């Protein structure tokens, strides 16, 4: 895949996760005007090594 396609996939994943985070907050009664993109990026970065390790274990 080319770099543009990979970037588009990453953006879509971050946007989806940010939306899920925002929905989870709303379900808990937490109202926010934030897009939650920053939180989604931090979550992905923090869990990156664990996810890659688990993926490698399943191969």
N, C-alpha and C. Protein backbone atom coordinates (compact mmCIF):
# COMPACT_ATOMS: atom_id res chain seq x y z
N UNK A 1 0.84 -1.19 0.00
CA UNK A 1 0.00 0.00 0.00
C UNK A 1 0.88 1.25 0.00
N UNK A 2 0.39 2.26 -0.65
CA UNK A 2 1.16 3.50 -0.66
C UNK A 2 0.91 4.30 0.62
N UNK A 3 1.75 5.28 0.85
CA UNK A 3 1.71 6.07 2.08
C UNK A 3 0.38 6.78 2.26
N UNK A 4 -0.19 7.30 1.19
CA UNK A 4 -1.47 8.02 1.27
C UNK A 4 -2.59 7.09 1.74
N UNK A 5 -2.60 5.88 1.23
CA UNK A 5 -3.62 4.90 1.64
C UNK A 5 -3.46 4.55 3.11
N UNK A 6 -2.21 4.33 3.55
CA UNK A 6 -1.96 4.01 4.96
C UNK A 6 -2.38 5.17 5.87
N UNK A 7 -2.09 6.39 5.47
CA UNK A 7 -2.50 7.55 6.27
C UNK A 7 -4.01 7.66 6.35
N UNK A 8 -4.68 7.40 5.25
CA UNK A 8 -6.15 7.45 5.23
C UNK A 8 -6.74 6.40 6.16
N UNK A 9 -6.17 5.20 6.15
CA UNK A 9 -6.64 4.15 7.06
C UNK A 9 -6.42 4.54 8.52
N UNK A 10 -5.27 5.12 8.82
CA UNK A 10 -4.99 5.55 10.19
C UNK A 10 -5.96 6.65 10.63
N UNK A 11 -6.20 7.61 9.77
CA UNK A 11 -7.14 8.69 10.09
C UNK A 11 -8.53 8.12 10.36
N UNK A 12 -8.96 7.16 9.54
CA UNK A 12 -10.27 6.55 9.73
C UNK A 12 -10.34 5.80 11.06
N UNK A 13 -9.27 5.12 11.43
CA UNK A 13 -9.25 4.39 12.69
C UNK A 13 -9.29 5.34 13.88
N UNK A 14 -8.52 6.41 13.81
CA UNK A 14 -8.51 7.40 14.90
C UNK A 14 -9.88 8.06 15.01
N UNK A 15 -10.47 8.44 13.89
CA UNK A 15 -11.79 9.08 13.91
C UNK A 15 -12.85 8.14 14.49
N UNK A 16 -12.78 6.88 14.14
CA UNK A 16 -13.74 5.90 14.66
C UNK A 16 -13.57 5.72 16.16
N UNK A 17 -12.33 5.58 16.61
CA UNK A 17 -12.07 5.43 18.04
C UNK A 17 -12.48 6.69 18.80
N UNK A 18 -12.19 7.86 18.26
CA UNK A 18 -12.58 9.12 18.91
C UNK A 18 -14.10 9.20 19.06
N UNK A 19 -14.81 8.80 18.03
CA UNK A 19 -16.27 8.79 18.09
C UNK A 19 -16.76 7.82 19.17
N UNK A 20 -16.15 6.66 19.27
CA UNK A 20 -16.54 5.69 20.29
C UNK A 20 -16.25 6.22 21.69
N UNK A 21 -15.12 6.89 21.86
CA UNK A 21 -14.79 7.48 23.16
C UNK A 21 -15.82 8.54 23.54
N UNK A 22 -16.17 9.39 22.57
CA UNK A 22 -17.16 10.45 22.83
C UNK A 22 -18.52 9.85 23.19
N UNK A 23 -18.91 8.79 22.49
CA UNK A 23 -20.18 8.13 22.77
C UNK A 23 -20.17 7.47 24.16
N UNK A 24 -19.04 6.88 24.53
CA UNK A 24 -18.92 6.26 25.86
C UNK A 24 -19.04 7.31 26.96
N UNK A 25 -18.43 8.47 26.73
CA UNK A 25 -18.54 9.57 27.70
C UNK A 25 -19.99 10.04 27.80
N UNK A 26 -20.66 10.17 26.66
CA UNK A 26 -22.06 10.61 26.67
C UNK A 26 -22.93 9.61 27.41
N UNK A 27 -22.65 8.33 27.25
CA UNK A 27 -23.43 7.30 27.93
C UNK A 27 -23.25 7.39 29.44
N UNK A 28 -22.12 7.93 29.88
CA UNK A 28 -21.86 8.11 31.31
C UNK A 28 -22.34 9.47 31.80
N UNK A 29 -22.97 10.24 30.92
CA UNK A 29 -23.48 11.55 31.28
C UNK A 29 -22.44 12.65 31.23
N UNK A 30 -21.30 12.38 30.59
CA UNK A 30 -20.24 13.38 30.47
C UNK A 30 -20.41 14.10 29.14
N UNK A 31 -20.68 15.39 29.22
CA UNK A 31 -20.86 16.21 28.02
C UNK A 31 -19.54 16.90 27.69
N UNK A 32 -19.16 16.86 26.41
CA UNK A 32 -17.92 17.50 25.99
C UNK A 32 -18.06 18.05 24.58
N UNK A 33 -17.39 19.16 24.34
CA UNK A 33 -17.33 19.71 22.99
C UNK A 33 -16.07 19.26 22.27
N UNK A 34 -15.20 18.56 23.01
CA UNK A 34 -13.96 18.05 22.44
C UNK A 34 -14.26 16.94 21.45
N UNK A 35 -13.42 16.80 20.44
CA UNK A 35 -13.61 15.73 19.44
C UNK A 35 -13.10 14.39 19.94
N UNK A 36 -12.31 14.39 21.01
CA UNK A 36 -11.71 13.20 21.61
C UNK A 36 -10.64 12.57 20.72
N UNK A 37 -10.21 13.28 19.69
CA UNK A 37 -9.16 12.77 18.80
C UNK A 37 -7.84 12.62 19.56
N UNK A 38 -7.49 13.61 20.37
CA UNK A 38 -6.26 13.54 21.16
C UNK A 38 -6.24 12.33 22.07
N UNK A 39 -7.36 12.08 22.72
CA UNK A 39 -7.47 10.92 23.60
C UNK A 39 -7.34 9.62 22.81
N UNK A 40 -7.93 9.57 21.63
CA UNK A 40 -7.84 8.39 20.78
C UNK A 40 -6.40 8.13 20.35
N UNK A 41 -5.69 9.20 19.97
CA UNK A 41 -4.29 9.06 19.55
C UNK A 41 -3.43 8.56 20.71
N UNK A 42 -3.64 9.13 21.90
CA UNK A 42 -2.88 8.69 23.08
C UNK A 42 -3.16 7.22 23.40
N UNK A 43 -4.42 6.83 23.33
CA UNK A 43 -4.79 5.45 23.60
C UNK A 43 -4.12 4.50 22.62
N UNK A 44 -4.13 4.85 21.35
CA UNK A 44 -3.49 4.01 20.34
C UNK A 44 -1.98 3.93 20.57
N UNK A 45 -1.36 5.05 20.87
CA UNK A 45 0.08 5.08 21.10
C UNK A 45 0.46 4.27 22.34
N UNK A 46 -0.34 4.39 23.40
CA UNK A 46 -0.05 3.67 24.64
C UNK A 46 -0.23 2.17 24.50
N UNK A 47 -1.14 1.74 23.65
CA UNK A 47 -1.42 0.31 23.52
C UNK A 47 -0.74 -0.33 22.31
N UNK A 48 0.00 0.45 21.55
CA UNK A 48 0.61 -0.03 20.31
C UNK A 48 1.46 -1.27 20.52
N UNK A 49 2.41 -1.22 21.45
CA UNK A 49 3.33 -2.34 21.63
C UNK A 49 2.61 -3.60 22.09
N UNK A 50 1.64 -3.46 22.99
CA UNK A 50 0.89 -4.62 23.46
C UNK A 50 0.08 -5.25 22.33
N UNK A 51 -0.54 -4.42 21.52
CA UNK A 51 -1.35 -4.93 20.41
C UNK A 51 -0.47 -5.65 19.40
N UNK A 52 0.68 -5.05 19.06
CA UNK A 52 1.57 -5.69 18.09
C UNK A 52 2.12 -7.00 18.64
N UNK A 53 2.42 -7.04 19.93
CA UNK A 53 2.91 -8.28 20.56
C UNK A 53 1.85 -9.38 20.48
N UNK A 54 0.62 -9.03 20.80
CA UNK A 54 -0.46 -10.02 20.76
C UNK A 54 -0.74 -10.49 19.34
N UNK A 55 -0.64 -9.59 18.38
CA UNK A 55 -0.81 -9.98 16.99
C UNK A 55 0.28 -10.95 16.55
N UNK A 56 1.51 -10.69 16.99
CA UNK A 56 2.63 -11.57 16.65
C UNK A 56 2.44 -12.96 17.26
N UNK A 57 1.85 -13.02 18.44
CA UNK A 57 1.61 -14.30 19.11
C UNK A 57 0.59 -15.15 18.37
N UNK A 58 -0.31 -14.52 17.64
CA UNK A 58 -1.36 -15.27 16.95
C UNK A 58 -0.94 -15.75 15.57
N UNK A 59 0.23 -15.35 15.12
CA UNK A 59 0.70 -15.76 13.79
C UNK A 59 1.32 -17.11 13.83
